[in-house]
Amino acid sequence: MKPAPFEYCRPDTLDEALELLTEFGDDALVMSGGLSLGALLNMRMVRPEAVIDINRIAQLSQIEVAGDEIRIGALARQADVLASPDCQAAVPLLIEGLKNVGHYQTRSRGTVGGSVAHADPSAETPLCLTTLGGEIELTSARGVRRAKPEDFFAGALMTEREGDEMVSALILPVLAPGTGIGFEEINERHGDFAIVAAAAWATRDGGGFRYSLGLGGAEDRPFAVQGNTSNDTSAIREAVAEIVHDIEPLDDQRASASYRRHLASYLGGRVLQQAIEATA
């Protein structure tokens, strides 16, 4: 099957792209890597009036560290983020997550902003963004604003992005030296979307540890919970059990709700233990 007819627009500047979004609004879709959008177009699951290809807008690919934050442009390729010394030093959890995204061929094309805008509940980039407490930068002709993941993701493949806005960057806090991380996922085959994925960071806090534990694929959007625990195995299990108890797992042809709950508990415990053990 081939896409329904649409107007193809390829702006050279961000201002031109924003003008097109103002003109077409909800009738337009933004294309960056095109890996997910291309499939949706071909299957006619989406029928936009216009597709706005932003690949010529170089400023959307920039990676910059400013103080205690790192700003990763929405058009930054997954492979480029993986290879970036700044990203490796500032957000190692995102690096671990990206290692699980697709295959090296797809990572050379796929973008971090496209993954967040697509909002697949099993995707690694939205999960890491949520676990790290990052924000999504949204730009329109009206200005620039930031949105927290819990306010941006509205469900599977659904976001609170306005029709004239585009995801322009991800803003992530720089992890402090000595912070431990952990990331694991389970899927049918390497490179497939995760059935459930878990991500965590931990840092020493007095005699214990402060942590953030995130889960993707368990519900219709990624989520993260912060807390304090010790490095005792039973304490970690108890902390994870409290988190998993309150989730409402997806139930579909890939996995039952009970299996997803089991995976969330199993992976959550493993990555939190890994993060705690990796603290300096």
C-alpha atoms as a PDB file:
ATOM      1  CA  MET A   1       0.000   0.000   0.000  1.00  0.00           C
ATOM      2  CA  LYS A   2       1.132   3.551  -0.713  1.00  0.00           C
ATOM      3  CA  PRO A   3       0.315   6.791   1.124  1.00  0.00           C
ATOM      4  CA  ALA A   4      -2.737   8.871   0.385  1.00  0.00           C
ATOM      5  CA  PRO A   5      -1.820  12.075  -1.512  1.00  0.00           C
ATOM      6  CA  PHE A   6      -0.234  14.848   0.555  1.00  0.00           C
ATOM      7  CA  GLU A   7       1.726  18.052   0.026  1.00  0.00           C
ATOM      8  CA  TYR A   8       5.449  17.523   0.622  1.00  0.00           C
ATOM      9  CA  CYS A   9       7.217  20.533   2.169  1.00  0.00           C
ATOM     10  CA  ARG A  10      10.958  20.730   2.801  1.00  0.00           C
ATOM     11  CA  PRO A  11      11.846  23.982   4.601  1.00  0.00           C
ATOM     12  CA  ASP A  12      15.436  25.180   4.831  1.00  0.00           C
ATOM     13  CA  THR A  13      15.055  27.076   8.111  1.00  0.00           C
ATOM     14  CA  LEU A  14      13.226  26.664  11.405  1.00  0.00           C
ATOM     15  CA  ASP A  15      11.201  29.805  10.748  1.00  0.00           C
ATOM     16  CA  GLU A  16       9.954  28.352   7.451  1.00  0.00           C
ATOM     17  CA  ALA A  17       8.967  25.131   9.183  1.00  0.00           C
ATOM     18  CA  LEU A  18       7.059  27.037  11.864  1.00  0.00           C
ATOM     19  CA  GLU A  19       5.246  29.077   9.201  1.00  0.00           C
ATOM     20  CA  LEU A  20       4.115  25.826   7.572  1.00  0.00           C
ATOM     21  CA  LEU A  21       2.924  24.449  10.901  1.00  0.00           C
ATOM     22  CA  THR A  22       0.974  27.651  11.478  1.00  0.00           C
ATOM     23  CA  GLU A  23      -0.595  27.284   8.024  1.00  0.00           C
ATOM     24  CA  PHE A  24      -1.515  23.590   8.186  1.00  0.00           C
ATOM     25  CA  GLY A  25      -1.863  23.032  11.944  1.00  0.00           C
ATOM     26  CA  ASP A  26      -3.231  19.608  12.834  1.00  0.00           C
ATOM     27  CA  ASP A  27      -3.405  18.702   9.136  1.00  0.00           C
ATOM     28  CA  ALA A  28       0.401  18.504   8.945  1.00  0.00           C
ATOM     29  CA  LEU A  29       2.891  15.939  10.228  1.00  0.00           C
ATOM     30  CA  VAL A  30       6.584  16.594  10.816  1.00  0.00           C
ATOM     31  CA  MET A  31       9.103  14.142   9.350  1.00  0.00           C
ATOM     32  CA  SER A  32      12.567  13.743  10.839  1.00  0.00           C
ATOM     33  CA  GLY A  33      13.952  10.205  10.532  1.00  0.00           C
ATOM     34  CA  GLY A  34      10.723   8.969   8.968  1.00  0.00           C
ATOM     35  CA  LEU A  35      11.119   5.396  10.224  1.00  0.00           C
ATOM     36  CA  SER A  36       7.784   5.330  12.050  1.00  0.00           C
ATOM     37  CA  LEU A  37       5.977   7.973  10.042  1.00  0.00           C
ATOM     38  CA  GLY A  38       6.848   6.303   6.736  1.00  0.00           C
ATOM     39  CA  ALA A  39       5.195   3.070   7.827  1.00  0.00           C
ATOM     40  CA  LEU A  40       2.103   4.891   9.107  1.00  0.00           C
ATOM     41  CA  LEU A  41       1.804   6.762   5.820  1.00  0.00           C
ATOM     42  CA  ASN A  42       2.193   3.631   3.722  1.00  0.00           C
ATOM     43  CA  MET A  43      -0.469   1.799   5.716  1.00  0.00           C
ATOM     44  CA  ARG A  44      -2.702   4.894   5.505  1.00  0.00           C
ATOM     45  CA  MET A  45      -3.051   4.902   9.266  1.00  0.00           C
ATOM     46  CA  VAL A  46      -2.416   8.657   8.988  1.00  0.00           C
ATOM     47  CA  ARG A  47      -3.593  10.864   6.131  1.00  0.00           C
ATOM     48  CA  PRO A  48      -2.059  14.321   6.571  1.00  0.00           C
ATOM     49  CA  GLU A  49      -2.704  17.171   4.204  1.00  0.00           C
ATOM     50  CA  ALA A  50       1.004  18.020   4.365  1.00  0.00           C
ATOM     51  CA  VAL A  51       4.264  16.375   5.470  1.00  0.00           C
ATOM     52  CA  ILE A  52       6.928  18.816   6.647  1.00  0.00           C
ATOM     53  CA  ASP A  53      10.425  17.359   6.197  1.00  0.00           C
ATOM     54  CA  ILE A  54      12.791  19.114   8.640  1.00  0.00           C
ATOM     55  CA  ASN A  55      15.999  17.311   7.629  1.00  0.00           C
ATOM     56  CA  ARG A  56      17.597  20.417   6.114  1.00  0.00           C
ATOM     57  CA  ILE A  57      17.375  22.404   9.369  1.00  0.00           C
ATOM     58  CA  ALA A  58      20.872  21.919  10.746  1.00  0.00           C
ATOM     59  CA  GLN A  59      20.265  23.812  13.993  1.00  0.00           C
ATOM     60  CA  LEU A  60      17.859  21.083  15.101  1.00  0.00           C
ATOM     61  CA  SER A  61      20.748  18.574  15.226  1.00  0.00           C
ATOM     62  CA  GLN A  62      22.940  20.474  17.680  1.00  0.00           C
ATOM     63  CA  ILE A  63      24.010  19.027  21.043  1.00  0.00           C
ATOM     64  CA  GLU A  64      24.973  21.580  23.701  1.00  0.00           C
ATOM     65  CA  VAL A  65      25.880  21.396  27.388  1.00  0.00           C
ATOM     66  CA  ALA A  66      24.911  24.478  29.394  1.00  0.00           C
ATOM     67  CA  GLY A  67      25.576  24.330  33.120  1.00  0.00           C
ATOM     68  CA  ASP A  68      23.716  21.419  34.672  1.00  0.00           C
ATOM     69  CA  GLU A  69      21.673  20.664  31.535  1.00  0.00           C
ATOM     70  CA  ILE A  70      22.310  19.145  28.133  1.00  0.00           C
ATOM     71  CA  ARG A  71      20.181  20.187  25.180  1.00  0.00           C
ATOM     72  CA  ILE A  72      19.891  17.596  22.405  1.00  0.00           C
ATOM     73  CA  GLY A  73      18.299  18.861  19.194  1.00  0.00           C
ATOM     74  CA  ALA A  74      15.266  16.921  18.035  1.00  0.00           C
ATOM     75  CA  LEU A  75      16.934  16.055  14.729  1.00  0.00           C
ATOM     76  CA  ALA A  76      20.021  14.537  16.389  1.00  0.00           C
ATOM     77  CA  ARG A  77      20.430  11.003  15.042  1.00  0.00           C
ATOM     78  CA  GLN A  78      20.432   8.210  17.576  1.00  0.00           C
ATOM     79  CA  ALA A  79      23.835   7.088  16.294  1.00  0.00           C
ATOM     80  CA  ASP A  80      25.258  10.597  16.716  1.00  0.00           C
ATOM     81  CA  VAL A  81      23.979  10.814  20.284  1.00  0.00           C
ATOM     82  CA  LEU A  82      25.546   7.436  21.035  1.00  0.00           C
ATOM     83  CA  ALA A  83      28.883   8.673  19.678  1.00  0.00           C
ATOM     84  CA  SER A  84      28.742  12.084  21.383  1.00  0.00           C
ATOM     85  CA  PRO A  85      31.315  12.494  24.205  1.00  0.00           C
ATOM     86  CA  ASP A  86      29.068  15.155  25.768  1.00  0.00           C
ATOM     87  CA  CYS A  87      26.098  12.779  25.885  1.00  0.00           C
ATOM     88  CA  GLN A  88      28.223   9.893  27.142  1.00  0.00           C
ATOM     89  CA  ALA A  89      29.450  12.021  30.045  1.00  0.00           C
ATOM     90  CA  ALA A  90      26.215  13.867  30.832  1.00  0.00           C
ATOM     91  CA  VAL A  91      23.464  11.288  30.277  1.00  0.00           C
ATOM     92  CA  PRO A  92      24.909   7.743  30.312  1.00  0.00           C
ATOM     93  CA  LEU A  93      21.440   6.334  31.009  1.00  0.00           C
ATOM     94  CA  LEU A  94      20.213   7.652  27.648  1.00  0.00           C
ATOM     95  CA  ILE A  95      23.264   6.052  26.020  1.00  0.00           C
ATOM     96  CA  GLU A  96      22.379   2.678  27.528  1.00  0.00           C
ATOM     97  CA  GLY A  97      18.799   3.030  26.349  1.00  0.00           C
ATOM     98  CA  LEU A  98      19.800   3.950  22.806  1.00  0.00           C
ATOM     99  CA  LYS A  99      21.972   0.847  22.552  1.00  0.00           C
ATOM    100  CA  ASN A 100      18.708  -1.127  22.598  1.00  0.00           C
ATOM    101  CA  VAL A 101      16.992   0.902  19.854  1.00  0.00           C
ATOM    102  CA  GLY A 102      16.505  -1.026  16.616  1.00  0.00           C
ATOM    103  CA  HIS A 103      19.758  -1.824  14.793  1.00  0.00           C
ATOM    104  CA  TYR A 104      22.788   0.237  13.803  1.00  0.00           C
ATOM    105  CA  GLN A 105      21.264   0.827  10.361  1.00  0.00           C
ATOM    106  CA  THR A 106      18.080   2.332  11.806  1.00  0.00           C
ATOM    107  CA  ARG A 107      19.972   4.297  14.466  1.00  0.00           C
ATOM    108  CA  SER A 108      21.859   6.101  11.703  1.00  0.00           C
ATOM    109  CA  ARG A 109      18.538   7.550  10.545  1.00  0.00           C
ATOM    110  CA  GLY A 110      16.253   7.600  13.580  1.00  0.00           C
ATOM    111  CA  THR A 111      16.174  10.756  15.716  1.00  0.00           C
ATOM    112  CA  VAL A 112      15.675  11.286  19.433  1.00  0.00           C
ATOM    113  CA  GLY A 113      13.047  13.964  18.869  1.00  0.00           C
ATOM    114  CA  GLY A 114      11.110  11.804  16.444  1.00  0.00           C
ATOM    115  CA  SER A 115      10.933   9.000  18.999  1.00  0.00           C
ATOM    116  CA  VAL A 116       9.549  11.343  21.651  1.00  0.00           C
ATOM    117  CA  ALA A 117       7.053  12.929  19.257  1.00  0.00           C
ATOM    118  CA  HIS A 118       5.867   9.477  18.116  1.00  0.00           C
ATOM    119  CA  ALA A 119       5.184   8.528  21.752  1.00  0.00           C
ATOM    120  CA  ASP A 120       5.335   4.763  21.510  1.00  0.00           C
ATOM    121  CA  PRO A 121       4.953   3.566  25.125  1.00  0.00           C
ATOM    122  CA  SER A 122       7.719   0.967  24.632  1.00  0.00           C
ATOM    123  CA  ALA A 123      10.305   3.314  23.102  1.00  0.00           C
ATOM    124  CA  GLU A 124      13.598   3.716  24.926  1.00  0.00           C
ATOM    125  CA  THR A 125      14.171   7.458  24.454  1.00  0.00           C
ATOM    126  CA  PRO A 126      10.890   8.577  26.069  1.00  0.00           C
ATOM    127  CA  LEU A 127      11.563   6.167  28.954  1.00  0.00           C
ATOM    128  CA  CYS A 128      15.046   7.537  29.599  1.00  0.00           C
ATOM    129  CA  LEU A 129      13.811  11.118  29.273  1.00  0.00           C
ATOM    130  CA  THR A 130      11.110  10.416  31.855  1.00  0.00           C
ATOM    131  CA  THR A 131      13.427   8.573  34.263  1.00  0.00           C
ATOM    132  CA  LEU A 132      16.012  11.353  34.112  1.00  0.00           C
ATOM    133  CA  GLY A 133      13.401  14.034  34.781  1.00  0.00           C
ATOM    134  CA  GLY A 134      14.063  15.792  31.501  1.00  0.00           C
ATOM    135  CA  GLU A 135      11.777  18.070  29.524  1.00  0.00           C
ATOM    136  CA  ILE A 136      10.564  18.390  25.944  1.00  0.00           C
ATOM    137  CA  GLU A 137      11.199  21.707  24.196  1.00  0.00           C
ATOM    138  CA  LEU A 138       8.281  22.671  21.956  1.00  0.00           C
ATOM    139  CA  THR A 139       8.614  25.486  19.445  1.00  0.00           C
ATOM    140  CA  SER A 140       5.986  27.356  17.425  1.00  0.00           C
ATOM    141  CA  ALA A 141       5.696  30.750  15.805  1.00  0.00           C
ATOM    142  CA  ARG A 142       4.196  31.850  19.129  1.00  0.00           C
ATOM    143  CA  GLY A 143       7.367  31.024  21.054  1.00  0.00           C
ATOM    144  CA  VAL A 144       9.174  28.260  22.917  1.00  0.00           C
ATOM    145  CA  ARG A 145       7.941  26.301  25.920  1.00  0.00           C
ATOM    146  CA  ARG A 146       9.028  23.285  27.923  1.00  0.00           C
ATOM    147  CA  ALA A 147       6.826  20.355  28.889  1.00  0.00           C
ATOM    148  CA  LYS A 148       7.465  17.641  31.456  1.00  0.00           C
ATOM    149  CA  PRO A 149       7.004  14.074  30.163  1.00  0.00           C
ATOM    150  CA  GLU A 150       4.055  13.455  32.472  1.00  0.00           C
ATOM    151  CA  ASP A 151       2.311  16.466  30.918  1.00  0.00           C
ATOM    152  CA  PHE A 152       3.395  15.732  27.334  1.00  0.00           C
ATOM    153  CA  PHE A 153       2.599  12.028  26.876  1.00  0.00           C
ATOM    154  CA  ALA A 154      -1.161  11.510  26.752  1.00  0.00           C
ATOM    155  CA  GLY A 155      -1.277   7.804  25.845  1.00  0.00           C
ATOM    156  CA  ALA A 156      -0.021   5.405  23.202  1.00  0.00           C
ATOM    157  CA  LEU A 157       1.003   7.485  20.156  1.00  0.00           C
ATOM    158  CA  MET A 158      -0.706  10.509  21.731  1.00  0.00           C
ATOM    159  CA  THR A 159       0.803  13.756  23.039  1.00  0.00           C
ATOM    160  CA  GLU A 160      -0.314  17.194  24.197  1.00  0.00           C
ATOM    161  CA  ARG A 161       1.616  18.933  21.396  1.00  0.00           C
ATOM    162  CA  GLU A 162      -0.390  21.758  19.853  1.00  0.00           C
ATOM    163  CA  GLY A 163      -1.029  21.662  16.101  1.00  0.00           C
ATOM    164  CA  ASP A 164       1.352  24.550  15.361  1.00  0.00           C
ATOM    165  CA  GLU A 165       4.156  23.199  17.562  1.00  0.00           C
ATOM    166  CA  MET A 166       7.043  20.875  16.894  1.00  0.00           C
ATOM    167  CA  VAL A 167       9.400  19.043  19.213  1.00  0.00           C
ATOM    168  CA  SER A 168      12.610  21.041  18.821  1.00  0.00           C
ATOM    169  CA  ALA A 169      14.862  19.561  21.531  1.00  0.00           C
ATOM    170  CA  LEU A 170      15.171  17.363  24.595  1.00  0.00           C
ATOM    171  CA  ILE A 171      16.474  19.040  27.744  1.00  0.00           C
ATOM    172  CA  LEU A 172      18.093  16.641  30.203  1.00  0.00           C
ATOM    173  CA  PRO A 173      19.784  17.185  33.569  1.00  0.00           C
ATOM    174  CA  VAL A 174      23.458  16.283  33.685  1.00  0.00           C
ATOM    175  CA  LEU A 175      23.931  13.330  36.026  1.00  0.00           C
ATOM    176  CA  ALA A 176      26.222  14.027  38.948  1.00  0.00           C
ATOM    177  CA  PRO A 177      29.564  12.186  39.128  1.00  0.00           C
ATOM    178  CA  GLY A 178      29.209   8.875  40.939  1.00  0.00           C
ATOM    179  CA  THR A 179      25.615   8.308  39.832  1.00  0.00           C
ATOM    180  CA  GLY A 180      24.885   4.681  38.998  1.00  0.00           C
ATOM    181  CA  ILE A 181      22.598   3.625  36.175  1.00  0.00           C
ATOM    182  CA  GLY A 182      20.791   0.529  34.972  1.00  0.00           C
ATOM    183  CA  PHE A 183      18.773  -0.327  31.859  1.00  0.00           C
ATOM    184  CA  GLU A 184      17.216  -3.574  30.661  1.00  0.00           C
ATOM    185  CA  GLU A 185      14.359  -4.635  28.418  1.00  0.00           C
ATOM    186  CA  ILE A 186      12.692  -7.794  27.210  1.00  0.00           C
ATOM    187  CA  ASN A 187      11.387  -8.189  23.671  1.00  0.00           C
ATOM    188  CA  GLU A 188      10.673 -10.978  21.199  1.00  0.00           C
ATOM    189  CA  ARG A 189      13.803 -10.312  19.131  1.00  0.00           C
ATOM    190  CA  HIS A 190      16.775  -8.021  19.418  1.00  0.00           C
ATOM    191  CA  GLY A 191      15.839  -4.674  17.931  1.00  0.00           C
ATOM    192  CA  ASP A 192      12.085  -5.087  18.411  1.00  0.00           C
ATOM    193  CA  PHE A 193      10.146  -2.688  20.583  1.00  0.00           C
ATOM    194  CA  ALA A 194      10.306  -3.777  24.207  1.00  0.00           C
ATOM    195  CA  ILE A 195       7.452  -5.657  25.798  1.00  0.00           C
ATOM    196  CA  VAL A 196       8.618  -3.981  29.013  1.00  0.00           C
ATOM    197  CA  ALA A 197      11.726  -1.876  29.594  1.00  0.00           C
ATOM    198  CA  ALA A 198      13.134  -0.549  32.847  1.00  0.00           C
ATOM    199  CA  ALA A 199      15.596   2.264  33.517  1.00  0.00           C
ATOM    200  CA  ALA A 200      17.054   3.580  36.764  1.00  0.00           C
ATOM    201  CA  TRP A 201      19.625   5.902  38.249  1.00  0.00           C
ATOM    202  CA  ALA A 202      20.798   6.023  41.852  1.00  0.00           C
ATOM    203  CA  THR A 203      23.070   8.204  43.925  1.00  0.00           C
ATOM    204  CA  ARG A 204      24.292   7.996  47.510  1.00  0.00           C
ATOM    205  CA  ASP A 205      22.205   9.946  50.005  1.00  0.00           C
ATOM    206  CA  GLY A 206      23.486   9.766  53.560  1.00  0.00           C
ATOM    207  CA  GLY A 207      23.509   6.128  54.588  1.00  0.00           C
ATOM    208  CA  GLY A 208      21.214   5.072  51.754  1.00  0.00           C
ATOM    209  CA  PHE A 209      20.444   5.814  48.138  1.00  0.00           C
ATOM    210  CA  ARG A 210      18.191   8.215  46.258  1.00  0.00           C
ATOM    211  CA  TYR A 211      16.842   6.793  43.020  1.00  0.00           C
ATOM    212  CA  SER A 212      14.540   7.183  40.031  1.00  0.00           C
ATOM    213  CA  LEU A 213      13.008   4.060  38.508  1.00  0.00           C
ATOM    214  CA  GLY A 214      11.201   4.237  35.161  1.00  0.00           C
ATOM    215  CA  LEU A 215       9.124   1.670  33.290  1.00  0.00           C
ATOM    216  CA  GLY A 216       8.171   1.627  29.613  1.00  0.00           C
ATOM    217  CA  GLY A 217       5.773  -0.682  27.798  1.00  0.00           C
ATOM    218  CA  ALA A 218       3.963  -1.587  30.997  1.00  0.00           C
ATOM    219  CA  GLU A 219       1.289   1.105  30.589  1.00  0.00           C
ATOM    220  CA  ASP A 220       0.223   3.310  27.685  1.00  0.00           C
ATOM    221  CA  ARG A 221       3.005   5.809  28.438  1.00  0.00           C
ATOM    222  CA  PRO A 222       6.351   5.716  30.259  1.00  0.00           C
ATOM    223  CA  PHE A 223       6.451   6.745  33.902  1.00  0.00           C
ATOM    224  CA  ALA A 224       9.034   7.090  36.651  1.00  0.00           C
ATOM    225  CA  VAL A 225       8.964   7.082  40.432  1.00  0.00           C
ATOM    226  CA  GLN A 226      11.574   8.639  42.714  1.00  0.00           C
ATOM    227  CA  GLY A 227      12.397   7.471  46.215  1.00  0.00           C
ATOM    228  CA  ASN A 228      14.975   6.411  48.760  1.00  0.00           C
ATOM    229  CA  THR A 229      16.123   2.928  49.669  1.00  0.00           C
ATOM    230  CA  SER A 230      19.063   0.943  51.009  1.00  0.00           C
ATOM    231  CA  ASN A 231      21.214  -1.530  49.133  1.00  0.00           C
ATOM    232  CA  ASP A 232      19.498  -4.402  50.932  1.00  0.00           C
ATOM    233  CA  THR A 233      17.908  -6.780  48.421  1.00  0.00           C
ATOM    234  CA  SER A 234      14.670  -7.053  50.378  1.00  0.00           C
ATOM    235  CA  ALA A 235      14.360  -3.265  50.615  1.00  0.00           C
ATOM    236  CA  ILE A 236      14.828  -2.936  46.864  1.00  0.00           C
ATOM    237  CA  ARG A 237      12.233  -5.613  46.186  1.00  0.00           C
ATOM    238  CA  GLU A 238       9.788  -3.887  48.522  1.00  0.00           C
ATOM    239  CA  ALA A 239      10.320  -0.526  46.820  1.00  0.00           C
ATOM    240  CA  VAL A 240       9.725  -2.033  43.372  1.00  0.00           C
ATOM    241  CA  ALA A 241       6.702  -4.031  44.563  1.00  0.00           C
ATOM    242  CA  GLU A 242       5.022  -0.822  45.783  1.00  0.00           C
ATOM    243  CA  ILE A 243       5.572   0.805  42.398  1.00  0.00           C
ATOM    244  CA  VAL A 244       4.358  -2.163  40.352  1.00  0.00           C
ATOM    245  CA  HIS A 245       1.310  -2.696  42.571  1.00  0.00           C
ATOM    246  CA  ASP A 246      -0.269   0.535  41.337  1.00  0.00           C
ATOM    247  CA  ILE A 247       0.246   0.113  37.586  1.00  0.00           C
ATOM    248  CA  GLU A 248      -2.480  -0.764  35.079  1.00  0.00           C
ATOM    249  CA  PRO A 249      -0.578  -2.941  32.569  1.00  0.00           C
ATOM    250  CA  LEU A 250      -1.389  -3.131  28.887  1.00  0.00           C
ATOM    251  CA  ASP A 251      -3.005  -6.357  27.706  1.00  0.00           C
ATOM    252  CA  ASP A 252      -2.586  -7.182  24.017  1.00  0.00           C
ATOM    253  CA  GLN A 253      -1.422  -9.821  21.561  1.00  0.00           C
ATOM    254  CA  ARG A 254       2.208  -9.340  22.571  1.00  0.00           C
ATOM    255  CA  ALA A 255       1.761  -9.956  26.286  1.00  0.00           C
ATOM    256  CA  SER A 256      -0.944 -10.282  28.905  1.00  0.00           C
ATOM    257  CA  ALA A 257      -1.355  -7.741  31.693  1.00  0.00           C
ATOM    258  CA  SER A 258      -0.181 -10.270  34.287  1.00  0.00           C
ATOM    259  CA  TYR A 259       2.981 -11.046  32.295  1.00  0.00           C
ATOM    260  CA  ARG A 260       3.749  -7.345  31.891  1.00  0.00           C
ATOM    261  CA  ARG A 261       3.314  -6.846  35.624  1.00  0.00           C
ATOM    262  CA  HIS A 262       5.735  -9.719  36.237  1.00  0.00           C
ATOM    263  CA  LEU A 263       8.292  -8.253  33.820  1.00  0.00           C
ATOM    264  CA  ALA A 264       7.939  -4.815  35.397  1.00  0.00           C
ATOM    265  CA  SER A 265       8.697  -6.273  38.825  1.00  0.00           C
ATOM    266  CA  TYR A 266      11.573  -8.430  37.591  1.00  0.00           C
ATOM    267  CA  LEU A 267      13.267  -5.793  35.420  1.00  0.00           C
ATOM    268  CA  GLY A 268      12.574  -2.989  37.887  1.00  0.00           C
ATOM    269  CA  GLY A 269      14.362  -4.881  40.635  1.00  0.00           C
ATOM    270  CA  ARG A 270      17.313  -5.748  38.395  1.00  0.00           C
ATOM    271  CA  VAL A 271      17.978  -2.233  37.096  1.00  0.00           C
ATOM    272  CA  LEU A 272      17.553  -0.588  40.482  1.00  0.00           C
ATOM    273  CA  GLN A 273      20.027  -3.075  41.964  1.00  0.00           C
ATOM    274  CA  GLN A 274      22.413  -2.392  39.070  1.00  0.00           C
ATOM    275  CA  ALA A 275      22.166   1.365  39.569  1.00  0.00           C
ATOM    276  CA  ILE A 276      22.807   1.134  43.291  1.00  0.00           C
ATOM    277  CA  GLU A 277      25.778  -1.197  42.845  1.00  0.00           C
ATOM    278  CA  ALA A 278      27.253   1.145  40.206  1.00  0.00           C
ATOM    279  CA  THR A 279      27.284   4.213  42.466  1.00  0.00           C
ATOM    280  CA  ALA A 280      30.731   5.510  43.396  1.00  0.00           C
END
